[in-house]
PDB file of N, CA and C in Angstrom:
ATOM      1  N   HIS A   1     -53.819  44.879 -72.196  1.00  0.00           N
ATOM      2  CA  HIS A   1     -54.375  43.893 -72.321  1.00  0.00           C
ATOM      3  C   HIS A   1     -52.730  42.253 -72.095  1.00  0.00           C
ATOM      4  N   SER A   2     -53.266  41.608 -70.336  1.00  0.00           N
ATOM      5  CA  SER A   2     -52.385  40.882 -69.330  1.00  0.00           C
ATOM      6  C   SER A   2     -53.006  39.566 -69.760  1.00  0.00           C
ATOM      7  N   PRO A   3     -51.842  38.329 -70.027  1.00  0.00           N
ATOM      8  CA  PRO A   3     -52.601  37.179 -70.331  1.00  0.00           C
ATOM      9  C   PRO A   3     -52.825  36.789 -68.622  1.00  0.00           C
ATOM     10  N   VAL A   4     -54.218  35.480 -69.006  1.00  0.00           N
ATOM     11  CA  VAL A   4     -54.976  35.031 -67.313  1.00  0.00           C
ATOM     12  C   VAL A   4     -54.393  33.627 -67.182  1.00  0.00           C
ATOM     13  N   LEU A   5     -54.483  33.132 -66.052  1.00  0.00           N
ATOM     14  CA  LEU A   5     -54.169  31.896 -66.609  1.00  0.00           C
ATOM     15  C   LEU A   5     -55.839  31.267 -65.417  1.00  0.00           C
ATOM     16  N   ALA A   6     -56.463  30.811 -65.815  1.00  0.00           N
ATOM     17  CA  ALA A   6     -57.927  30.482 -65.160  1.00  0.00           C
ATOM     18  C   ALA A   6     -57.365  28.647 -64.808  1.00  0.00           C
ATOM     19  N   PHE A   7     -56.898  27.810 -63.451  1.00  0.00           N
ATOM     20  CA  PHE A   7     -57.058  26.933 -63.542  1.00  0.00           C
ATOM     21  C   PHE A   7     -57.194  25.365 -62.172  1.00  0.00           C
ATOM     22  N   ASN A   8     -57.537  24.293 -62.130  1.00  0.00           N
ATOM     23  CA  ASN A   8     -57.943  23.450 -61.373  1.00  0.00           C
ATOM     24  C   ASN A   8     -57.527  22.179 -61.146  1.00  0.00           C
ATOM     25  N   PHE A   9     -57.225  22.065 -60.323  1.00  0.00           N
ATOM     26  CA  PHE A   9     -56.953  20.129 -60.379  1.00  0.00           C
ATOM     27  C   PHE A   9     -57.804  19.252 -59.195  1.00  0.00           C
ATOM     28  N   GLU A  10     -57.266  18.134 -60.820  1.00  0.00           N
ATOM     29  CA  GLU A  10     -58.615  17.095 -59.020  1.00  0.00           C
ATOM     30  C   GLU A  10     -57.735  16.641 -58.908  1.00  0.00           C
ATOM     31  N   GLY A  11     -58.542  16.640 -57.018  1.00  0.00           N
ATOM     32  CA  GLY A  11     -58.598  15.532 -56.584  1.00  0.00           C
ATOM     33  C   GLY A  11     -57.742  17.070 -55.336  1.00  0.00           C
ATOM     34  N   ILE A  12     -57.746  18.395 -55.524  1.00  0.00           N
ATOM     35  CA  ILE A  12     -57.310  19.228 -54.533  1.00  0.00           C
ATOM     36  C   ILE A  12     -58.183  19.964 -54.436  1.00  0.00           C
ATOM     37  N   HIS A  13     -58.713  20.871 -53.736  1.00  0.00           N
ATOM     38  CA  HIS A  13     -59.891  21.996 -53.267  1.00  0.00           C
ATOM     39  C   HIS A  13     -58.519  23.343 -53.954  1.00  0.00           C
ATOM     40  N   HIS A  14     -59.101  24.179 -54.967  1.00  0.00           N
ATOM     41  CA  HIS A  14     -58.534  25.267 -55.242  1.00  0.00           C
ATOM     42  C   HIS A  14     -57.806  26.452 -54.148  1.00  0.00           C
ATOM     43  N   SER A  15     -58.448  26.776 -53.313  1.00  0.00           N
ATOM     44  CA  SER A  15     -58.085  27.146 -52.157  1.00  0.00           C
ATOM     45  C   SER A  15     -57.013  26.732 -51.440  1.00  0.00           C
ATOM     46  N   ASP A  16     -57.076  24.597 -51.381  1.00  0.00           N
ATOM     47  CA  ASP A  16     -56.002  23.929 -50.323  1.00  0.00           C
ATOM     48  C   ASP A  16     -54.502  24.674 -50.724  1.00  0.00           C
ATOM     49  N   LEU A  17     -54.988  24.309 -52.679  1.00  0.00           N
ATOM     50  CA  LEU A  17     -53.770  23.958 -53.623  1.00  0.00           C
ATOM     51  C   LEU A  17     -53.254  26.163 -53.623  1.00  0.00           C
ATOM     52  N   ALA A  18     -54.659  26.777 -53.384  1.00  0.00           N
ATOM     53  CA  ALA A  18     -52.974  28.492 -53.160  1.00  0.00           C
ATOM     54  C   ALA A  18     -53.076  28.365 -52.481  1.00  0.00           C
ATOM     55  N   ALA A  19     -53.205  28.370 -50.792  1.00  0.00           N
ATOM     56  CA  ALA A  19     -52.259  28.011 -50.251  1.00  0.00           C
ATOM     57  C   ALA A  19     -50.951  27.646 -49.838  1.00  0.00           C
ATOM     58  N   LEU A  20     -51.002  25.778 -50.323  1.00  0.00           N
ATOM     59  CA  LEU A  20     -50.252  25.718 -50.579  1.00  0.00           C
ATOM     60  C   LEU A  20     -48.298  25.914 -51.194  1.00  0.00           C
ATOM     61  N   ILE A  21     -48.776  26.794 -52.478  1.00  0.00           N
ATOM     62  CA  ILE A  21     -48.289  27.729 -53.153  1.00  0.00           C
ATOM     63  C   ILE A  21     -48.797  29.194 -52.785  1.00  0.00           C
ATOM     64  N   ALA A  22     -49.343  29.606 -51.695  1.00  0.00           N
ATOM     65  CA  ALA A  22     -49.318  30.595 -51.504  1.00  0.00           C
ATOM     66  C   ALA A  22     -47.410  30.484 -50.689  1.00  0.00           C
ATOM     67  N   GLU A  23     -47.583  29.050 -49.356  1.00  0.00           N
ATOM     68  CA  GLU A  23     -46.059  29.151 -48.799  1.00  0.00           C
ATOM     69  C   GLU A  23     -45.016  28.903 -50.175  1.00  0.00           C
ATOM     70  N   GLN A  24     -44.690  28.538 -50.473  1.00  0.00           N
ATOM     71  CA  GLN A  24     -44.464  28.779 -51.718  1.00  0.00           C
ATOM     72  C   GLN A  24     -43.612  30.303 -52.489  1.00  0.00           C
ATOM     73  N   GLY A  25     -43.985  31.143 -51.321  1.00  0.00           N
ATOM     74  CA  GLY A  25     -44.261  32.992 -52.314  1.00  0.00           C
ATOM     75  C   GLY A  25     -44.366  33.287 -53.115  1.00  0.00           C
ATOM     76  N   ILE A  26     -45.631  32.538 -53.597  1.00  0.00           N
ATOM     77  CA  ILE A  26     -46.622  32.983 -54.816  1.00  0.00           C
ATOM     78  C   ILE A  26     -47.974  33.208 -54.670  1.00  0.00           C
ATOM     79  N   ALA A  27     -48.415  34.708 -55.100  1.00  0.00           N
ATOM     80  CA  ALA A  27     -49.664  34.945 -54.778  1.00  0.00           C
ATOM     81  C   ALA A  27     -50.433  34.259 -55.642  1.00  0.00           C
ATOM     82  N   LEU A  28     -50.986  33.900 -56.112  1.00  0.00           N
ATOM     83  CA  LEU A  28     -52.529  33.841 -56.798  1.00  0.00           C
ATOM     84  C   LEU A  28     -54.033  34.108 -55.701  1.00  0.00           C
ATOM     85  N   ARG A  29     -54.844  34.174 -57.466  1.00  0.00           N
ATOM     86  CA  ARG A  29     -56.295  34.441 -56.480  1.00  0.00           C
ATOM     87  C   ARG A  29     -57.067  33.113 -56.902  1.00  0.00           C
ATOM     88  N   THR A  30     -57.743  33.496 -55.802  1.00  0.00           N
ATOM     89  CA  THR A  30     -58.755  32.039 -55.789  1.00  0.00           C
ATOM     90  C   THR A  30     -60.196  32.071 -55.852  1.00  0.00           C
ATOM     91  N   GLY A  31     -61.201  31.453 -55.802  1.00  0.00           N
ATOM     92  CA  GLY A  31     -62.823  31.976 -55.361  1.00  0.00           C
ATOM     93  C   GLY A  31     -63.120  32.198 -57.218  1.00  0.00           C
ATOM     94  N   GLN A  32     -64.280  32.332 -57.387  1.00  0.00           N
ATOM     95  CA  GLN A  32     -65.351  32.169 -58.495  1.00  0.00           C
ATOM     96  C   GLN A  32     -64.852  34.329 -59.475  1.00  0.00           C
ATOM     97  N   HIS A  33     -64.265  34.856 -59.242  1.00  0.00           N
ATOM     98  CA  HIS A  33     -64.407  35.733 -60.125  1.00  0.00           C
ATOM     99  C   HIS A  33     -65.091  35.979 -60.814  1.00  0.00           C
ATOM    100  N   CYS A  34     -65.940  36.852 -60.307  1.00  0.00           N
ATOM    101  CA  CYS A  34     -67.178  37.399 -60.141  1.00  0.00           C
ATOM    102  C   CYS A  34     -67.450  36.766 -61.874  1.00  0.00           C
ATOM    103  N   ALA A  35     -67.533  35.267 -62.114  1.00  0.00           N
ATOM    104  CA  ALA A  35     -67.788  34.531 -63.340  1.00  0.00           C
ATOM    105  C   ALA A  35     -69.014  33.773 -62.533  1.00  0.00           C
ATOM    106  N   GLN A  36     -69.821  33.719 -61.552  1.00  0.00           N
ATOM    107  CA  GLN A  36     -70.530  32.635 -61.420  1.00  0.00           C
ATOM    108  C   GLN A  36     -71.656  32.143 -62.035  1.00  0.00           C
ATOM    109  N   PRO A  37     -71.959  32.708 -63.498  1.00  0.00           N
ATOM    110  CA  PRO A  37     -72.435  31.826 -64.066  1.00  0.00           C
ATOM    111  C   PRO A  37     -71.948  30.353 -65.105  1.00  0.00           C
ATOM    112  N   LEU A  38     -70.265  31.354 -64.986  1.00  0.00           N
ATOM    113  CA  LEU A  38     -69.953  30.104 -65.349  1.00  0.00           C
ATOM    114  C   LEU A  38     -68.985  29.256 -65.095  1.00  0.00           C
ATOM    115  N   ILE A  39     -69.232  29.842 -63.857  1.00  0.00           N
ATOM    116  CA  ILE A  39     -68.723  28.239 -63.059  1.00  0.00           C
ATOM    117  C   ILE A  39     -69.325  27.491 -62.040  1.00  0.00           C
ATOM    118  N   ASP A  40     -70.784  27.868 -62.383  1.00  0.00           N
ATOM    119  CA  ASP A  40     -72.178  27.315 -62.154  1.00  0.00           C
ATOM    120  C   ASP A  40     -72.324  26.357 -63.219  1.00  0.00           C
ATOM    121  N   ALA A  41     -71.794  26.751 -64.712  1.00  0.00           N
ATOM    122  CA  ALA A  41     -72.023  26.029 -65.923  1.00  0.00           C
ATOM    123  C   ALA A  41     -70.987  24.943 -65.447  1.00  0.00           C
ATOM    124  N   LEU A  42     -69.364  24.837 -65.211  1.00  0.00           N
ATOM    125  CA  LEU A  42     -68.702  23.946 -65.080  1.00  0.00           C
ATOM    126  C   LEU A  42     -69.549  23.647 -63.839  1.00  0.00           C
ATOM    127  N   THR A  43     -70.447  23.155 -64.170  1.00  0.00           N
ATOM    128  CA  THR A  43     -69.735  22.508 -62.383  1.00  0.00           C
ATOM    129  C   THR A  43     -68.773  22.549 -61.191  1.00  0.00           C
ATOM    130  N   ILE A  44     -67.977  23.249 -61.195  1.00  0.00           N
ATOM    131  CA  ILE A  44     -66.806  23.464 -59.691  1.00  0.00           C
ATOM    132  C   ILE A  44     -67.018  25.180 -58.547  1.00  0.00           C
ATOM    133  N   SER A  45     -66.584  24.744 -57.623  1.00  0.00           N
ATOM    134  CA  SER A  45     -66.676  25.311 -56.883  1.00  0.00           C
ATOM    135  C   SER A  45     -65.989  27.220 -57.015  1.00  0.00           C
ATOM    136  N   GLY A  46     -65.108  27.000 -57.705  1.00  0.00           N
ATOM    137  CA  GLY A  46     -64.116  28.114 -58.088  1.00  0.00           C
ATOM    138  C   GLY A  46     -63.040  27.793 -59.026  1.00  0.00           C
ATOM    139  N   CYS A  47     -61.423  28.012 -58.592  1.00  0.00           N
ATOM    140  CA  CYS A  47     -60.563  27.669 -59.545  1.00  0.00           C
ATOM    141  C   CYS A  47     -59.320  28.835 -59.375  1.00  0.00           C
ATOM    142  N   LEU A  48     -58.782  28.735 -59.782  1.00  0.00           N
ATOM    143  CA  LEU A  48     -56.851  29.039 -59.297  1.00  0.00           C
ATOM    144  C   LEU A  48     -56.713  30.588 -60.141  1.00  0.00           C
ATOM    145  N   ARG A  49     -56.552  31.874 -60.034  1.00  0.00           N
ATOM    146  CA  ARG A  49     -56.503  32.810 -61.226  1.00  0.00           C
ATOM    147  C   ARG A  49     -54.965  33.079 -61.189  1.00  0.00           C
ATOM    148  N   ALA A  50     -54.171  32.674 -62.534  1.00  0.00           N
ATOM    149  CA  ALA A  50     -53.022  33.560 -62.058  1.00  0.00           C
ATOM    150  C   ALA A  50     -53.135  34.621 -63.114  1.00  0.00           C
ATOM    151  N   SER A  51     -52.222  35.947 -63.373  1.00  0.00           N
ATOM    152  CA  SER A  51     -52.337  37.310 -63.795  1.00  0.00           C
ATOM    153  C   SER A  51     -50.570  37.464 -64.233  1.00  0.00           C
ATOM    154  N   PHE A  52     -50.334  37.626 -65.309  1.00  0.00           N
ATOM    155  CA  PHE A  52     -49.326  38.396 -65.583  1.00  0.00           C
ATOM    156  C   PHE A  52     -49.017  39.465 -66.128  1.00  0.00           C
ATOM    157  N   MET A  53     -47.911  39.717 -66.242  1.00  0.00           N
ATOM    158  CA  MET A  53     -47.948  41.431 -66.945  1.00  0.00           C
ATOM    159  C   MET A  53     -46.568  41.635 -67.049  1.00  0.00           C
ATOM    160  N   PRO A  54     -46.299  42.735 -68.098  1.00  0.00           N
ATOM    161  CA  PRO A  54     -45.367  43.075 -69.018  1.00  0.00           C
ATOM    162  C   PRO A  54     -44.151  42.671 -67.988  1.00  0.00           C
ATOM    163  N   TYR A  55     -44.741  43.248 -67.014  1.00  0.00           N
ATOM    164  CA  TYR A  55     -42.631  42.532 -66.006  1.00  0.00           C
ATOM    165  C   TYR A  55     -42.516  41.799 -65.919  1.00  0.00           C
ATOM    166  N   ASN A  56     -43.576  40.964 -66.402  1.00  0.00           N
ATOM    167  CA  ASN A  56     -43.058  39.676 -65.359  1.00  0.00           C
ATOM    168  C   ASN A  56     -42.020  38.700 -66.607  1.00  0.00           C
ATOM    169  N   GLN A  57     -41.208  37.850 -66.134  1.00  0.00           N
ATOM    170  CA  GLN A  57     -40.682  37.063 -67.079  1.00  0.00           C
ATOM    171  C   GLN A  57     -40.592  35.210 -66.998  1.00  0.00           C
ATOM    172  N   LEU A  58     -40.154  34.642 -68.034  1.00  0.00           N
ATOM    173  CA  LEU A  58     -40.767  33.801 -68.169  1.00  0.00           C
ATOM    174  C   LEU A  58     -40.235  32.628 -66.615  1.00  0.00           C
ATOM    175  N   SER A  59     -38.499  32.924 -66.201  1.00  0.00           N
ATOM    176  CA  SER A  59     -38.969  32.175 -65.209  1.00  0.00           C
ATOM    177  C   SER A  59     -40.011  32.685 -63.852  1.00  0.00           C
ATOM    178  N   ASP A  60     -40.558  33.846 -63.965  1.00  0.00           N
ATOM    179  CA  ASP A  60     -41.441  34.219 -63.018  1.00  0.00           C
ATOM    180  C   ASP A  60     -43.212  32.237 -62.980  1.00  0.00           C
ATOM    181  N   ILE A  61     -42.438  32.656 -65.058  1.00  0.00           N
ATOM    182  CA  ILE A  61     -43.585  31.194 -64.987  1.00  0.00           C
ATOM    183  C   ILE A  61     -43.258  29.925 -64.468  1.00  0.00           C
ATOM    184  N   ASP A  62     -41.266  29.675 -64.399  1.00  0.00           N
ATOM    185  CA  ASP A  62     -41.449  28.490 -64.630  1.00  0.00           C
ATOM    186  C   ASP A  62     -41.364  28.266 -62.568  1.00  0.00           C
ATOM    187  N   ARG A  63     -41.824  29.479 -61.980  1.00  0.00           N
ATOM    188  CA  ARG A  63     -41.718  28.969 -60.131  1.00  0.00           C
ATOM    189  C   ARG A  63     -43.111  28.928 -60.752  1.00  0.00           C
ATOM    190  N   LEU A  64     -44.214  29.653 -61.104  1.00  0.00           N
ATOM    191  CA  LEU A  64     -44.731  28.583 -60.625  1.00  0.00           C
ATOM    192  C   LEU A  64     -45.646  27.884 -61.240  1.00  0.00           C
ATOM    193  N   VAL A  65     -45.521  27.455 -62.084  1.00  0.00           N
ATOM    194  CA  VAL A  65     -44.996  25.587 -62.774  1.00  0.00           C
ATOM    195  C   VAL A  65     -44.274  24.892 -62.049  1.00  0.00           C
ATOM    196  N   ASP A  66     -43.768  25.338 -61.124  1.00  0.00           N
ATOM    197  CA  ASP A  66     -42.407  24.196 -60.063  1.00  0.00           C
ATOM    198  C   ASP A  66     -43.322  24.528 -59.093  1.00  0.00           C
ATOM    199  N   ALA A  67     -43.784  25.153 -58.285  1.00  0.00           N
ATOM    200  CA  ALA A  67     -44.390  25.406 -56.966  1.00  0.00           C
ATOM    201  C   ALA A  67     -45.615  25.541 -56.937  1.00  0.00           C
ATOM    202  N   VAL A  68     -46.302  24.765 -58.081  1.00  0.00           N
ATOM    203  CA  VAL A  68     -47.714  23.655 -58.465  1.00  0.00           C
ATOM    204  C   VAL A  68     -47.354  22.483 -58.595  1.00  0.00           C
ATOM    205  N   LYS A  69     -45.943  22.000 -59.246  1.00  0.00           N
ATOM    206  CA  LYS A  69     -45.812  20.944 -59.034  1.00  0.00           C
ATOM    207  C   LYS A  69     -45.377  19.873 -57.438  1.00  0.00           C
ATOM    208  N   PHE A  70     -44.843  20.986 -56.635  1.00  0.00           N
ATOM    209  CA  PHE A  70     -44.398  20.908 -55.663  1.00  0.00           C
ATOM    210  C   PHE A  70     -45.669  20.451 -54.688  1.00  0.00           C
ATOM    211  N   ALA A  71     -46.497  21.936 -54.662  1.00  0.00           N
ATOM    212  CA  ALA A  71     -48.379  21.637 -53.466  1.00  0.00           C
ATOM    213  C   ALA A  71     -48.761  20.682 -54.344  1.00  0.00           C
ATOM    214  N   LEU A  72     -48.678  19.853 -56.126  1.00  0.00           N
ATOM    215  CA  LEU A  72     -49.250  18.801 -55.789  1.00  0.00           C
ATOM    216  C   LEU A  72     -48.638  17.456 -55.658  1.00  0.00           C
ATOM    217  N   SER A  73     -47.494  17.696 -55.514  1.00  0.00           N
ATOM    218  CA  SER A  73     -46.898  15.924 -54.889  1.00  0.00           C
ATOM    219  C   SER A  73     -47.173  15.631 -53.416  1.00  0.00           C
ATOM    220  N   LEU A  74     -47.515  16.328 -52.968  1.00  0.00           N
ATOM    221  CA  LEU A  74     -47.815  16.326 -51.313  1.00  0.00           C
ATOM    222  C   LEU A  74     -48.567  15.929 -50.820  1.00  0.00           C
TER     223      LEU A  74
END
């Protein structure tokens, strides 16, 4: 098993945030992730998903956090 983080931020569409993060060289998935009933229950249009693998380093997580912070600051 590998950890998966699904997230959204109020005030910005998940696809727009994913595009801004992609410009920083970080690939995320965006959409409904085959979880339509949950997405409907949460009354959201979708979310971002970051997946981590055994070869990821803590520095990769730090880079993701920095990229999200930067994208949200624009």
